[in-house]
Amino acid sequence: MEKPIHQLSDLFSQLGLPADAASIEAFVASHRPLAEGVVLADAPFWSVSQAQLLRQKLADDSDWVGLVDTLNAMLSA
């Protein structure tokens, strides 16, 4: 199995958020859980550009999809 090209910290950097482990953990803790039925990109805490970035990563079906899915799972827990 190949190593992922990107890490979760890379996604946070792309979103313009602090990308160190403690900051990622704090972000998830402060925004979890997503309300039932809310799609990750539609969550109210994203800026317009952050939401667009998440939608684009999913639409492109790129190697970022797994990380977006991981973030979604972290926020849905």
N, C-alpha and C. Protein backbone atom coordinates (compact mmCIF):
# COMPACT_ATOMS: atom_id res chain seq x y z
N MET A 1 0.84 -1.17 0.00
CA MET A 1 0.00 0.00 0.00
C MET A 1 0.89 1.25 0.00
N GLU A 2 0.55 2.19 -0.86
CA GLU A 2 1.33 3.41 -0.94
C GLU A 2 1.01 4.35 0.20
N LYS A 3 2.02 5.10 0.59
CA LYS A 3 1.84 6.12 1.60
C LYS A 3 1.02 7.27 1.02
N PRO A 4 0.12 7.85 1.82
CA PRO A 4 -0.65 8.98 1.29
C PRO A 4 0.28 10.12 0.88
N ILE A 5 -0.13 10.81 -0.14
CA ILE A 5 0.66 11.94 -0.63
C ILE A 5 0.56 13.12 0.33
N HIS A 6 -0.64 13.32 0.88
CA HIS A 6 -0.90 14.45 1.75
C HIS A 6 -1.26 13.96 3.15
N GLN A 7 -1.06 14.83 4.11
CA GLN A 7 -1.41 14.56 5.50
C GLN A 7 -2.56 15.49 5.90
N LEU A 8 -3.20 15.19 7.02
CA LEU A 8 -4.29 16.03 7.51
C LEU A 8 -3.80 17.46 7.73
N SER A 9 -2.58 17.60 8.18
CA SER A 9 -2.02 18.94 8.39
C SER A 9 -1.95 19.72 7.07
N ASP A 10 -1.73 19.04 5.97
CA ASP A 10 -1.71 19.69 4.66
C ASP A 10 -3.09 20.24 4.31
N LEU A 11 -4.14 19.47 4.62
CA LEU A 11 -5.50 19.93 4.37
C LEU A 11 -5.81 21.17 5.21
N PHE A 12 -5.41 21.15 6.47
CA PHE A 12 -5.63 22.32 7.33
C PHE A 12 -4.88 23.53 6.79
N SER A 13 -3.68 23.33 6.30
CA SER A 13 -2.92 24.43 5.69
C SER A 13 -3.66 24.97 4.47
N GLN A 14 -4.18 24.07 3.63
CA GLN A 14 -4.93 24.48 2.45
C GLN A 14 -6.16 25.30 2.85
N LEU A 15 -6.75 24.96 4.00
CA LEU A 15 -7.92 25.68 4.49
C LEU A 15 -7.55 26.98 5.20
N GLY A 16 -6.25 27.25 5.32
CA GLY A 16 -5.80 28.47 5.98
C GLY A 16 -5.90 28.41 7.49
N LEU A 17 -5.87 27.20 8.03
CA LEU A 17 -5.98 26.99 9.47
C LEU A 17 -4.65 26.55 10.05
N PRO A 18 -4.43 26.78 11.34
CA PRO A 18 -3.22 26.25 11.97
C PRO A 18 -3.18 24.74 11.76
N ALA A 19 -2.01 24.22 11.43
CA ALA A 19 -1.93 22.83 10.99
C ALA A 19 -1.12 21.92 11.91
N ASP A 20 -0.74 22.41 13.08
CA ASP A 20 -0.02 21.53 14.00
C ASP A 20 -1.03 20.62 14.70
N ALA A 21 -0.55 19.52 15.25
CA ALA A 21 -1.43 18.51 15.84
C ALA A 21 -2.34 19.07 16.92
N ALA A 22 -1.81 19.92 17.79
CA ALA A 22 -2.62 20.48 18.88
C ALA A 22 -3.72 21.38 18.33
N SER A 23 -3.42 22.15 17.31
CA SER A 23 -4.43 23.03 16.71
C SER A 23 -5.52 22.23 16.00
N ILE A 24 -5.13 21.18 15.32
CA ILE A 24 -6.11 20.32 14.65
C ILE A 24 -7.02 19.69 15.69
N GLU A 25 -6.44 19.18 16.76
CA GLU A 25 -7.23 18.56 17.83
C GLU A 25 -8.18 19.59 18.45
N ALA A 26 -7.72 20.80 18.68
CA ALA A 26 -8.56 21.85 19.27
C ALA A 26 -9.69 22.24 18.32
N PHE A 27 -9.39 22.32 17.02
CA PHE A 27 -10.42 22.65 16.03
C PHE A 27 -11.51 21.60 16.04
N VAL A 28 -11.12 20.35 16.00
CA VAL A 28 -12.10 19.26 15.98
C VAL A 28 -12.92 19.27 17.26
N ALA A 29 -12.27 19.44 18.40
CA ALA A 29 -12.98 19.44 19.68
C ALA A 29 -13.99 20.59 19.76
N SER A 30 -13.65 21.74 19.19
CA SER A 30 -14.54 22.89 19.29
C SER A 30 -15.67 22.89 18.26
N HIS A 31 -15.58 22.05 17.23
CA HIS A 31 -16.60 22.03 16.18
C HIS A 31 -17.36 20.71 16.09
N ARG A 32 -17.05 19.80 16.94
CA ARG A 32 -17.68 18.49 16.93
C ARG A 32 -18.84 18.49 17.88
N PRO A 33 -19.88 17.79 17.66
CA PRO A 33 -20.21 17.03 16.44
C PRO A 33 -20.95 17.90 15.44
N LEU A 34 -20.82 17.52 14.17
CA LEU A 34 -21.62 18.17 13.14
C LEU A 34 -23.09 17.83 13.41
N ALA A 35 -23.95 18.77 13.16
CA ALA A 35 -25.38 18.51 13.32
C ALA A 35 -25.80 17.40 12.36
N GLU A 36 -26.76 16.62 12.79
CA GLU A 36 -27.27 15.52 11.97
C GLU A 36 -27.69 16.03 10.59
N GLY A 37 -27.23 15.37 9.56
CA GLY A 37 -27.60 15.70 8.19
C GLY A 37 -26.81 16.84 7.56
N VAL A 38 -25.90 17.45 8.30
CA VAL A 38 -25.10 18.55 7.75
C VAL A 38 -23.90 17.98 7.01
N VAL A 39 -23.77 18.35 5.76
CA VAL A 39 -22.63 17.95 4.94
C VAL A 39 -21.44 18.78 5.39
N LEU A 40 -20.27 18.17 5.43
CA LEU A 40 -19.08 18.84 5.93
C LEU A 40 -18.89 20.24 5.34
N ALA A 41 -18.96 20.38 4.04
CA ALA A 41 -18.72 21.68 3.39
C ALA A 41 -19.81 22.69 3.72
N ASP A 42 -20.95 22.24 4.21
CA ASP A 42 -22.05 23.15 4.55
C ASP A 42 -22.05 23.55 6.02
N ALA A 43 -21.08 23.06 6.78
CA ALA A 43 -21.02 23.41 8.20
C ALA A 43 -20.85 24.92 8.35
N PRO A 44 -21.51 25.51 9.34
CA PRO A 44 -21.52 26.97 9.45
C PRO A 44 -20.19 27.61 9.85
N PHE A 45 -19.23 26.83 10.28
CA PHE A 45 -17.97 27.41 10.74
C PHE A 45 -16.96 27.65 9.62
N TRP A 46 -17.25 27.20 8.40
CA TRP A 46 -16.34 27.44 7.28
C TRP A 46 -16.61 28.79 6.66
N SER A 47 -15.58 29.43 6.16
CA SER A 47 -15.77 30.61 5.32
C SER A 47 -16.23 30.12 3.94
N VAL A 48 -16.66 31.04 3.13
CA VAL A 48 -17.10 30.67 1.77
C VAL A 48 -15.96 29.99 1.02
N SER A 49 -14.77 30.54 1.11
CA SER A 49 -13.64 29.96 0.36
C SER A 49 -13.24 28.60 0.92
N GLN A 50 -13.33 28.40 2.22
CA GLN A 50 -13.01 27.09 2.80
C GLN A 50 -14.03 26.05 2.34
N ALA A 51 -15.30 26.41 2.35
CA ALA A 51 -16.35 25.48 1.90
C ALA A 51 -16.15 25.12 0.44
N GLN A 52 -15.81 26.12 -0.38
CA GLN A 52 -15.56 25.86 -1.80
C GLN A 52 -14.38 24.92 -1.99
N LEU A 53 -13.33 25.12 -1.20
CA LEU A 53 -12.16 24.26 -1.29
C LEU A 53 -12.53 22.81 -0.98
N LEU A 54 -13.29 22.61 0.08
CA LEU A 54 -13.71 21.24 0.43
C LEU A 54 -14.56 20.62 -0.67
N ARG A 55 -15.48 21.38 -1.20
CA ARG A 55 -16.32 20.86 -2.30
C ARG A 55 -15.47 20.51 -3.51
N GLN A 56 -14.50 21.35 -3.82
CA GLN A 56 -13.64 21.12 -4.98
C GLN A 56 -12.79 19.87 -4.81
N LYS A 57 -12.25 19.69 -3.60
CA LYS A 57 -11.43 18.50 -3.34
C LYS A 57 -12.25 17.24 -3.57
N LEU A 58 -13.51 17.26 -3.13
CA LEU A 58 -14.37 16.09 -3.32
C LEU A 58 -14.77 15.92 -4.78
N ALA A 59 -15.10 17.02 -5.44
CA ALA A 59 -15.54 16.96 -6.84
C ALA A 59 -14.43 16.48 -7.76
N ASP A 60 -13.20 16.86 -7.44
CA ASP A 60 -12.06 16.46 -8.26
C ASP A 60 -11.72 14.98 -8.11
N ASP A 61 -12.29 14.36 -7.06
CA ASP A 61 -11.99 12.96 -6.75
C ASP A 61 -10.48 12.74 -6.71
N SER A 62 -9.81 13.69 -6.09
CA SER A 62 -8.35 13.65 -6.02
C SER A 62 -7.88 12.87 -4.80
N ASP A 63 -6.59 12.87 -4.60
CA ASP A 63 -6.02 12.18 -3.45
C ASP A 63 -6.37 12.90 -2.14
N TRP A 64 -7.04 14.04 -2.21
CA TRP A 64 -7.47 14.77 -1.02
C TRP A 64 -8.77 14.18 -0.45
N VAL A 65 -9.50 13.41 -1.23
CA VAL A 65 -10.81 12.91 -0.80
C VAL A 65 -10.71 12.14 0.52
N GLY A 66 -9.70 11.30 0.65
CA GLY A 66 -9.54 10.53 1.88
C GLY A 66 -9.36 11.42 3.10
N LEU A 67 -8.64 12.53 2.94
CA LEU A 67 -8.43 13.44 4.05
C LEU A 67 -9.70 14.22 4.38
N VAL A 68 -10.46 14.62 3.37
CA VAL A 68 -11.74 15.28 3.61
C VAL A 68 -12.66 14.31 4.32
N ASP A 69 -12.68 13.07 3.91
CA ASP A 69 -13.50 12.04 4.57
C ASP A 69 -13.05 11.83 6.03
N THR A 70 -11.75 11.84 6.24
CA THR A 70 -11.20 11.69 7.59
C THR A 70 -11.66 12.85 8.47
N LEU A 71 -11.56 14.07 7.96
CA LEU A 71 -11.99 15.23 8.72
C LEU A 71 -13.48 15.14 9.02
N ASN A 72 -14.26 14.74 8.04
CA ASN A 72 -15.69 14.57 8.24
C ASN A 72 -15.97 13.56 9.36
N ALA A 73 -15.27 12.46 9.34
CA ALA A 73 -15.46 11.44 10.37
C ALA A 73 -15.06 11.97 11.75
N MET A 74 -13.98 12.72 11.81
CA MET A 74 -13.53 13.29 13.08
C MET A 74 -14.57 14.26 13.64
N LEU A 75 -15.20 15.04 12.77
CA LEU A 75 -16.16 16.03 13.22
C LEU A 75 -17.54 15.42 13.46
N SER A 76 -17.77 14.23 12.93
CA SER A 76 -19.06 13.58 13.11
C SER A 76 -19.10 12.71 14.35
N ALA A 77 -17.96 12.44 14.93
CA ALA A 77 -17.89 11.55 16.09
C ALA A 77 -18.48 12.17 17.34
